[in-house]
Protein backbone atom coordinates (compact mmCIF):
# COMPACT_ATOMS: atom_id res chain seq x y z
CA MET A 1 38.01 0.10 5.29
CA ALA A 2 35.27 -1.12 2.78
CA ARG A 3 36.11 -1.73 -0.88
CA THR A 4 33.46 0.12 -3.27
CA LEU A 5 32.99 -0.45 -6.78
CA GLN A 6 31.45 2.30 -9.00
CA PHE A 7 29.57 0.95 -12.25
CA HIS A 8 27.99 2.53 -15.02
CA LYS A 9 24.64 1.45 -16.83
CA GLY A 10 25.84 -1.26 -19.23
CA ASP A 11 28.98 -2.63 -17.36
CA VAL A 12 29.20 -6.22 -16.93
CA LEU A 13 30.33 -6.82 -13.20
CA MET A 14 30.66 -10.70 -13.48
CA ARG A 15 29.72 -13.44 -16.47
CA GLN A 16 28.74 -16.55 -16.15
CA GLY A 17 31.32 -19.44 -15.93
CA ASP A 18 33.91 -16.93 -15.09
CA ASP A 19 35.84 -17.63 -11.83
CA GLY A 20 34.50 -15.48 -8.76
CA ASP A 21 35.52 -15.11 -5.39
CA ALA A 22 33.82 -11.97 -4.34
CA ALA A 23 29.98 -10.70 -3.88
CA TYR A 24 28.50 -7.32 -4.40
CA LEU A 25 26.41 -5.47 -1.81
CA ILE A 26 24.53 -2.79 -3.59
CA GLN A 27 24.40 0.66 -1.98
CA GLU A 28 22.73 2.35 -5.02
CA GLY A 29 21.63 1.42 -8.64
CA TRP A 30 20.29 -1.64 -10.10
CA LEU A 31 21.70 -4.89 -11.50
CA GLU A 32 20.02 -7.45 -14.00
CA VAL A 33 20.87 -11.17 -13.34
CA PHE A 34 20.48 -13.36 -16.45
CA ARG A 35 21.81 -16.99 -17.52
CA THR A 36 22.43 -18.10 -20.60
CA ASN A 37 21.47 -21.83 -21.66
CA ALA A 38 21.80 -23.22 -25.44
CA GLY A 39 22.45 -19.81 -26.37
CA LYS A 40 19.06 -18.49 -25.25
CA LYS A 41 19.32 -15.51 -22.58
CA LYS A 42 17.10 -15.91 -19.39
CA LEU A 43 16.45 -12.83 -17.21
CA THR A 44 16.37 -14.52 -13.66
CA THR A 45 15.80 -11.40 -11.64
CA LYS A 46 16.73 -7.49 -10.69
CA LEU A 47 18.81 -6.39 -7.76
CA GLY A 48 18.30 -2.99 -6.15
CA PRO A 49 19.53 -0.98 -3.17
CA GLY A 50 20.37 -3.43 -0.08
CA GLU A 51 20.45 -6.38 -2.10
CA ILE A 52 23.53 -8.80 -3.08
CA ALA A 53 24.99 -10.38 -6.63
CA GLY A 54 27.53 -13.06 -6.36
CA GLU A 55 26.87 -14.40 -2.84
CA LEU A 56 27.55 -18.32 -3.79
CA ALA A 57 31.31 -17.07 -4.02
CA LEU A 58 31.23 -16.46 -0.37
CA THR A 59 30.05 -20.01 0.31
CA GLY A 60 32.53 -21.98 -1.82
CA ALA A 61 29.07 -23.50 -3.13
CA ALA A 62 30.31 -22.45 -6.89
CA ASN A 63 33.98 -21.78 -8.23
CA LYS A 64 32.35 -20.69 -11.44
CA ARG A 65 29.83 -17.71 -11.72
CA THR A 66 26.41 -19.41 -12.13
CA ALA A 67 24.76 -16.10 -13.88
CA THR A 68 26.13 -13.12 -15.64
CA VAL A 69 25.17 -9.61 -13.72
CA ARG A 70 25.08 -6.29 -15.77
CA ALA A 71 24.01 -3.01 -14.60
CA LEU A 72 20.76 -1.37 -15.44
CA THR A 73 21.60 2.06 -14.09
CA ASP A 74 24.87 3.79 -12.56
CA GLY A 75 25.64 3.12 -8.95
CA CYS A 76 28.04 1.57 -6.49
CA ALA A 77 28.36 -1.42 -4.61
CA GLU A 78 30.57 -2.92 -1.37
CA ILE A 79 33.00 -5.68 -2.54
CA ILE A 80 32.60 -8.47 -0.24
CA ASP A 81 35.37 -11.46 -0.39
CA ARG A 82 35.92 -14.01 1.94
CA GLY A 83 38.44 -12.33 3.90
CA SER A 84 36.36 -8.99 4.54
CA LEU A 85 33.30 -11.70 5.27
CA ILE A 86 35.84 -13.15 8.14
CA ARG A 87 36.51 -9.71 9.39
CA LEU A 88 32.93 -8.74 9.42
CA VAL A 89 31.86 -11.92 11.32
CA ASN A 90 34.61 -11.42 14.08
CA GLY A 91 33.78 -7.62 14.22
CA PRO A 92 30.97 -5.73 15.73
CA GLY A 93 27.34 -6.95 14.87
CA THR A 94 26.25 -3.97 13.39
CA ARG A 95 28.71 -4.30 10.46
CA LEU A 96 27.74 -7.66 9.53
CA MET A 97 23.80 -6.75 9.60
CA PRO A 98 23.71 -5.21 6.29
CA LEU A 99 25.07 -8.40 4.59
CA LEU A 100 22.76 -10.52 6.79
CA GLY A 101 19.79 -8.67 5.61
CA ALA A 102 20.97 -8.81 2.08
CA LEU A 103 21.40 -12.44 2.28
CA PHE A 104 17.59 -13.18 3.89
CA SER A 105 16.19 -10.45 0.99
CA ARG A 106 17.79 -12.61 -1.36
CA LEU A 107 16.26 -15.83 -0.07
CA GLN A 108 12.87 -14.43 0.53
CA ASP A 109 12.92 -13.34 -3.27
CA THR A 110 13.92 -16.74 -4.48
CA LEU A 111 10.80 -18.13 -2.56
CA VAL A 112 8.56 -15.82 -4.24
CA ASP A 113 9.90 -16.05 -7.65
CA ALA A 114 9.23 -19.81 -7.21
CA GLU A 115 5.71 -18.93 -6.49
CA VAL A 116 5.18 -16.56 -9.23
CA GLU A 117 6.84 -19.22 -11.65
CA GLY A 118 3.81 -21.50 -10.67
CA THR A 119 1.19 -19.22 -10.99
CA ALA A 120 -0.99 -19.31 -14.24
CA GLU A 121 -1.85 -15.77 -14.70
CA THR A 122 0.13 -12.86 -13.76
CA ILE A 123 -2.14 -10.28 -11.75
CA SER A 124 -2.00 -6.67 -12.44
CA HIS A 125 -3.63 -4.01 -10.11
CA ALA A 126 -2.07 -0.91 -11.99
CA THR A 127 1.14 0.18 -13.94
CA LEU A 128 3.74 2.37 -12.30
CA HIS A 129 6.00 4.61 -14.70
CA GLY A 130 8.81 7.14 -13.06
CA VAL A 131 8.21 10.62 -14.60
CA ASN A 132 11.41 12.27 -13.41
CA ASP A 133 14.95 11.09 -13.61
CA LYS A 134 15.03 9.98 -9.67
CA ALA A 135 11.84 8.30 -10.03
CA LYS A 136 12.91 6.34 -13.28
CA ARG A 137 15.77 5.31 -11.74
CA THR A 138 13.82 3.69 -8.77
CA LEU A 139 11.94 1.55 -11.48
CA CYS A 140 15.17 0.70 -13.51
CA ASN A 141 13.98 2.95 -16.15
CA THR A 142 11.20 0.69 -17.04
CA SER A 143 7.50 0.64 -16.20
CA CYS A 144 6.55 -1.27 -13.19
CA ARG A 145 3.32 -3.80 -12.83
CA VAL A 146 1.63 -3.70 -9.35
CA SER A 147 1.19 -7.44 -8.83
CA HIS A 148 0.18 -7.70 -5.40
CA LEU A 149 -1.22 -5.30 -2.86
CA PRO A 150 -0.34 -3.47 -0.57
CA TRP A 151 2.62 -2.21 -2.69
CA VAL A 152 4.93 -0.18 -0.71
CA PHE A 153 7.10 2.85 -1.47
CA GLY A 154 9.90 3.19 1.23
CA ALA A 155 13.35 3.73 1.93
CA TYR A 156 15.67 0.53 2.37
CA ILE A 157 17.16 0.93 5.66
CA ASN A 158 19.79 -1.89 6.82
CA PRO A 159 19.06 -3.90 10.09
CA VAL A 160 21.34 -2.71 12.77
CA SER A 161 20.39 -5.81 15.26
CA VAL A 162 19.64 -9.38 14.89
CA THR A 163 16.20 -8.48 16.63
CA GLU A 164 15.59 -6.08 13.33
CA LEU A 165 16.81 -8.79 10.96
CA PHE A 166 14.07 -11.56 12.41
CA SER A 167 11.47 -8.80 13.16
CA GLY A 168 9.74 -9.63 9.83
CA ARG A 169 10.35 -6.05 8.06
CA HIS A 170 8.89 -5.72 4.94
CA MET A 171 11.31 -4.93 1.85
CA PRO A 172 9.56 -2.06 -0.13
CA GLU A 173 8.46 -3.01 -3.64
CA VAL A 174 9.60 0.40 -4.42
CA ARG A 175 13.16 1.03 -2.86
CA LEU A 176 13.81 4.38 -2.57
CA PRO A 177 17.44 5.98 -1.50
CA ASP A 178 17.66 7.13 2.22
CA GLU A 179 18.11 10.39 1.41
CA GLY A 180 19.65 11.11 5.35
CA ARG A 181 16.39 9.56 6.81
CA LYS A 182 14.10 11.64 4.99
CA LEU A 183 12.02 8.96 3.76
CA ARG A 184 10.55 6.02 5.94
CA GLU A 185 10.74 2.20 5.29
CA GLN A 186 6.92 2.46 4.58
CA HIS A 187 6.49 5.84 3.02
CA LEU A 188 3.36 5.54 0.92
CA LYS A 189 1.26 2.46 0.51
CA ILE A 190 -0.91 1.32 -2.60
CA GLU A 191 -3.98 -0.90 -1.33
CA ALA A 192 -7.20 -2.13 -1.72
CA CYS A 193 -10.27 -0.04 -0.77
CA PRO A 194 -12.65 -1.85 1.82
CA ASP A 195 -15.65 -1.28 -1.01
CA GLY A 196 -13.33 -2.24 -4.11
CA GLY A 197 -10.87 -0.60 -6.04
CA LEU A 198 -7.52 0.80 -5.03
CA GLN A 199 -6.65 3.85 -2.73
CA LEU A 200 -3.05 5.83 -1.95
CA ARG A 201 -2.14 5.73 1.77
CA VAL A 202 0.21 8.12 3.14
CA MET A 203 1.99 6.25 6.33
CA ASN A 204 2.70 9.48 8.33
CA HIS A 205 0.27 12.12 8.46
CA GLY A 206 2.34 15.73 7.29
CA ASP A 207 4.66 13.83 5.06
CA TYR A 208 4.44 15.77 1.65
CA CYS A 209 2.36 14.16 -0.80
CA THR A 210 0.12 15.32 -3.82
CA LEU A 211 -2.34 13.40 -6.01
CA ASP A 212 -2.96 14.73 -9.37
CA GLU A 213 -1.89 18.08 -7.60
CA GLU A 214 -3.82 18.29 -4.69
CA ARG A 215 -2.09 17.70 -1.34
CA ILE A 216 -3.20 14.93 0.83
CA ALA A 217 -2.26 13.85 4.50
CA TYR A 218 -1.76 17.55 5.48
CA GLY A 219 -3.80 19.58 7.90
CA SER A 220 -7.62 18.36 7.75
CA ALA A 221 -6.78 16.61 4.50
CA SER A 222 -6.91 12.43 4.78
CA ASP A 223 -4.34 9.94 4.69
CA ILE A 224 -6.21 8.24 2.18
CA ALA A 225 -6.99 9.01 -1.60
CA ARG A 226 -8.96 6.83 -3.74
CA LEU A 227 -7.56 5.95 -6.81
CA GLU A 228 -10.15 5.75 -9.24
CA PRO A 229 -9.53 4.20 -12.86
CA GLY A 230 -7.47 6.06 -15.11
CA ARG A 231 -4.15 7.88 -14.92
CA HIS A 232 -2.69 9.89 -11.97
CA GLU A 233 0.60 11.61 -11.09
CA ILE A 234 1.74 11.06 -7.42
CA THR A 235 4.47 13.53 -5.91
CA PHE A 236 6.31 13.09 -2.81
CA GLY A 237 9.58 13.33 -0.90
CA PRO A 238 11.68 16.30 -0.36
CA LEU A 239 9.81 19.30 -1.45
CA ASN A 240 12.75 20.65 -3.28
CA ASP A 241 13.57 17.34 -5.26
CA PRO A 242 10.24 15.11 -4.83
CA TYR A 243 9.90 11.72 -6.68
CA ILE A 244 7.14 12.10 -9.53
CA PHE A 245 5.35 8.67 -10.68
CA VAL A 246 2.34 8.28 -12.89
CA ILE A 247 0.10 5.38 -11.99
CA GLU A 248 -2.33 4.05 -14.33
CA VAL A 249 -5.61 2.09 -12.91
CA PRO A 250 -7.47 0.09 -15.03
CA GLU A 251 -11.30 -0.01 -14.89
CA GLU A 252 -11.77 -3.52 -13.61
CA GLN A 253 -9.47 -4.98 -10.35
CA PRO A 254 -8.55 -8.47 -9.90
CA GLU A 255 -10.11 -9.89 -7.19
CA THR A 256 -8.05 -9.75 -4.10
CA GLN A 257 -8.45 -10.22 -0.39
CA LEU A 258 -7.85 -7.20 2.01
CA SER A 259 -4.50 -7.26 4.17
């Protein structure tokens, strides 16, 4: 039976320099990872649902924690030590897939972070804010810069097979709790318009979504709505408990290639 850890905002799950023998596979909530060098704290990344913290402890590559991990929100994580790793490897493949998916995601994020560090200028197509509590939690209670296109809102669903793991699945930029599969892996998308500017696309016609209180992707309404410069409110998800975000679109867009 899997062991889980319930954590609260501000809790420290591990400290740089401490002994470590387990990793944490995040089920819900957000963590920040930072290192201290010469007394200076440097944030290295933020981790959310479907991602893993402390993975070096499973490999034996580091006996000491190389970073400090602190909770940005309330949440829970599965505790994975070497014993449980062995049981996962020897057990049904479906049990191992979430861990492998998290490790692959961590590797992809590391490669992306290295590319970003080498970029002289940070691109911003828009700024995203959570309005209600559940939207704020998905953004770690902070604002979020839309740094590339397309920008996907979707549920992170663990891979259940090796085929899915290697299928090039896209990790949503805004990861939402699965909520009993009421949300899709690609639910909404902010993308470039063919003639310039931004547009919002609902990936499945009929899914509930409003832009500035106007329903889109419903009946005869188009699945695509243009995001003019200014401030817009996006509401989507379960009708009785939706996500509500505000997106601020600047007057001028940085140059980008259509995907």
